[in-house]
Amino acid sequence: MARFTVERSHSLGREAARAKAEKLAARLASEYDVRYQWAGDALEFKRSGAEGRIVVGDDRVRVELSLGLLLSAMSGTIKREIEKGLDEYLV
């Protein structure tokens, strides 16, 4: 099992960052069968072999992800894609 955290700062404000996290989650839901729900300022998501959350703050976003055995082999690629996605979404 692999676990990692990716954190990025932003200047969008909490509400705009929440909207971007929601948009990202909707895309993941349609492409990868991810289920998600908000719990305060954390968007919690889960699918077979992976679960985590996106914590949205006033000036930071943190993604915490746990991968099951099969997806752990791809953890480096998945982490890089999350970093790339955050860099694109938080503009």
C-alpha atoms as a PDB file:
ATOM      1  CA  MET A   1       0.000   0.000   0.000  1.00  0.00           C
ATOM      2  CA  ALA A   2       1.323   3.450  -0.927  1.00  0.00           C
ATOM      3  CA  ARG A   3       0.383   6.730   0.744  1.00  0.00           C
ATOM      4  CA  PHE A   4       1.417  10.227  -0.168  1.00  0.00           C
ATOM      5  CA  THR A   5       0.481  13.872   0.248  1.00  0.00           C
ATOM      6  CA  VAL A   6       0.815  16.682  -2.275  1.00  0.00           C
ATOM      7  CA  GLU A   7       0.340  20.280  -1.168  1.00  0.00           C
ATOM      8  CA  ARG A   8       0.192  23.485  -3.187  1.00  0.00           C
ATOM      9  CA  SER A   9      -0.420  27.121  -2.312  1.00  0.00           C
ATOM     10  CA  HIS A  10      -2.940  29.229  -4.226  1.00  0.00           C
ATOM     11  CA  SER A  11      -4.301  32.756  -4.320  1.00  0.00           C
ATOM     12  CA  LEU A  12      -7.837  31.847  -5.419  1.00  0.00           C
ATOM     13  CA  GLY A  13      -9.565  32.065  -2.048  1.00  0.00           C
ATOM     14  CA  ARG A  14     -11.393  29.181  -0.398  1.00  0.00           C
ATOM     15  CA  GLU A  15     -14.607  29.291  -2.444  1.00  0.00           C
ATOM     16  CA  ALA A  16     -12.876  29.402  -5.846  1.00  0.00           C
ATOM     17  CA  ALA A  17     -10.525  26.597  -4.783  1.00  0.00           C
ATOM     18  CA  ARG A  18     -13.527  24.529  -3.616  1.00  0.00           C
ATOM     19  CA  ALA A  19     -15.201  25.062  -6.990  1.00  0.00           C
ATOM     20  CA  LYS A  20     -12.075  23.863  -8.798  1.00  0.00           C
ATOM     21  CA  ALA A  21     -11.821  20.809  -6.517  1.00  0.00           C
ATOM     22  CA  GLU A  22     -15.477  20.018  -7.250  1.00  0.00           C
ATOM     23  CA  LYS A  23     -14.838  20.291 -10.992  1.00  0.00           C
ATOM     24  CA  LEU A  24     -11.831  17.985 -10.728  1.00  0.00           C
ATOM     25  CA  ALA A  25     -13.808  15.452  -8.661  1.00  0.00           C
ATOM     26  CA  ALA A  26     -16.641  15.451 -11.203  1.00  0.00           C
ATOM     27  CA  ARG A  27     -14.133  14.715 -13.966  1.00  0.00           C
ATOM     28  CA  LEU A  28     -12.556  11.884 -11.952  1.00  0.00           C
ATOM     29  CA  ALA A  29     -16.006  10.476 -11.209  1.00  0.00           C
ATOM     30  CA  SER A  30     -16.897  10.294 -14.885  1.00  0.00           C
ATOM     31  CA  GLU A  31     -13.516   8.978 -16.077  1.00  0.00           C
ATOM     32  CA  TYR A  32     -12.513   6.623 -13.245  1.00  0.00           C
ATOM     33  CA  ASP A  33     -15.704   5.698 -11.375  1.00  0.00           C
ATOM     34  CA  VAL A  34     -14.711   7.769  -8.325  1.00  0.00           C
ATOM     35  CA  ARG A  35     -17.311   8.476  -5.642  1.00  0.00           C
ATOM     36  CA  TYR A  36     -16.916  11.679  -3.678  1.00  0.00           C
ATOM     37  CA  GLN A  37     -18.576  13.880  -1.074  1.00  0.00           C
ATOM     38  CA  TRP A  38     -17.743  16.997   0.892  1.00  0.00           C
ATOM     39  CA  ALA A  39     -17.046  16.785   4.627  1.00  0.00           C
ATOM     40  CA  GLY A  40     -16.539  20.421   5.643  1.00  0.00           C
ATOM     41  CA  ASP A  41     -13.630  21.743   3.602  1.00  0.00           C
ATOM     42  CA  ALA A  42     -12.430  18.256   2.645  1.00  0.00           C
ATOM     43  CA  LEU A  43     -13.596  16.543  -0.507  1.00  0.00           C
ATOM     44  CA  GLU A  44     -13.346  12.827   0.275  1.00  0.00           C
ATOM     45  CA  PHE A  45     -13.116  10.412  -2.636  1.00  0.00           C
ATOM     46  CA  LYS A  46     -12.953   6.672  -3.105  1.00  0.00           C
ATOM     47  CA  ARG A  47     -12.803   4.066  -5.814  1.00  0.00           C
ATOM     48  CA  SER A  48     -11.649   0.495  -5.991  1.00  0.00           C
ATOM     49  CA  GLY A  49      -7.985   0.478  -4.972  1.00  0.00           C
ATOM     50  CA  ALA A  50      -7.718   4.142  -3.991  1.00  0.00           C
ATOM     51  CA  GLU A  51      -9.097   6.593  -1.476  1.00  0.00           C
ATOM     52  CA  GLY A  52      -8.177  10.005  -0.231  1.00  0.00           C
ATOM     53  CA  ARG A  53      -9.232  13.575   0.230  1.00  0.00           C
ATOM     54  CA  ILE A  54      -8.606  17.068  -1.029  1.00  0.00           C
ATOM     55  CA  VAL A  55      -8.436  19.572   1.825  1.00  0.00           C
ATOM     56  CA  VAL A  56      -9.147  23.132   0.683  1.00  0.00           C
ATOM     57  CA  GLY A  57      -7.879  26.097   2.680  1.00  0.00           C
ATOM     58  CA  ASP A  58      -7.851  29.850   2.134  1.00  0.00           C
ATOM     59  CA  ASP A  59      -4.426  29.707   0.485  1.00  0.00           C
ATOM     60  CA  ARG A  60      -3.432  25.999   0.328  1.00  0.00           C
ATOM     61  CA  VAL A  61      -4.758  22.765  -1.104  1.00  0.00           C
ATOM     62  CA  ARG A  62      -3.591  19.390   0.160  1.00  0.00           C
ATOM     63  CA  VAL A  63      -4.254  16.050  -1.537  1.00  0.00           C
ATOM     64  CA  GLU A  64      -3.877  12.931   0.590  1.00  0.00           C
ATOM     65  CA  LEU A  65      -4.044   9.612  -1.234  1.00  0.00           C
ATOM     66  CA  SER A  66      -3.801   5.947  -0.261  1.00  0.00           C
ATOM     67  CA  LEU A  67      -3.387   3.363  -2.992  1.00  0.00           C
ATOM     68  CA  GLY A  68      -4.121  -0.335  -2.733  1.00  0.00           C
ATOM     69  CA  LEU A  69      -1.678  -3.043  -3.710  1.00  0.00           C
ATOM     70  CA  LEU A  70      -2.335  -3.023  -7.463  1.00  0.00           C
ATOM     71  CA  LEU A  71      -2.212   0.762  -7.876  1.00  0.00           C
ATOM     72  CA  SER A  72       0.825   1.087  -5.597  1.00  0.00           C
ATOM     73  CA  ALA A  73       3.019  -0.008  -8.484  1.00  0.00           C
ATOM     74  CA  MET A  74       1.934   3.163 -10.298  1.00  0.00           C
ATOM     75  CA  SER A  75       2.288   5.501  -7.315  1.00  0.00           C
ATOM     76  CA  GLY A  76       5.084   7.606  -8.850  1.00  0.00           C
ATOM     77  CA  THR A  77       3.097   8.236 -12.023  1.00  0.00           C
ATOM     78  CA  ILE A  78      -0.090   8.967 -10.073  1.00  0.00           C
ATOM     79  CA  LYS A  79       1.704  11.422  -7.789  1.00  0.00           C
ATOM     80  CA  ARG A  80       3.227  13.255 -10.769  1.00  0.00           C
ATOM     81  CA  GLU A  81      -0.201  13.502 -12.424  1.00  0.00           C
ATOM     82  CA  ILE A  82      -1.698  14.939  -9.225  1.00  0.00           C
ATOM     83  CA  GLU A  83       1.121  17.497  -8.999  1.00  0.00           C
ATOM     84  CA  LYS A  84       0.620  18.443 -12.647  1.00  0.00           C
ATOM     85  CA  GLY A  85      -3.156  18.688 -12.184  1.00  0.00           C
ATOM     86  CA  LEU A  86      -2.869  20.894  -9.119  1.00  0.00           C
ATOM     87  CA  ASP A  87      -0.428  23.173 -10.913  1.00  0.00           C
ATOM     88  CA  GLU A  88      -2.913  23.535 -13.795  1.00  0.00           C
ATOM     89  CA  TYR A  89      -6.094  23.839 -11.709  1.00  0.00           C
ATOM     90  CA  LEU A  90      -4.784  26.316  -9.158  1.00  0.00           C
ATOM     91  CA  VAL A  91      -3.986  29.071 -11.658  1.00  0.00           C
END
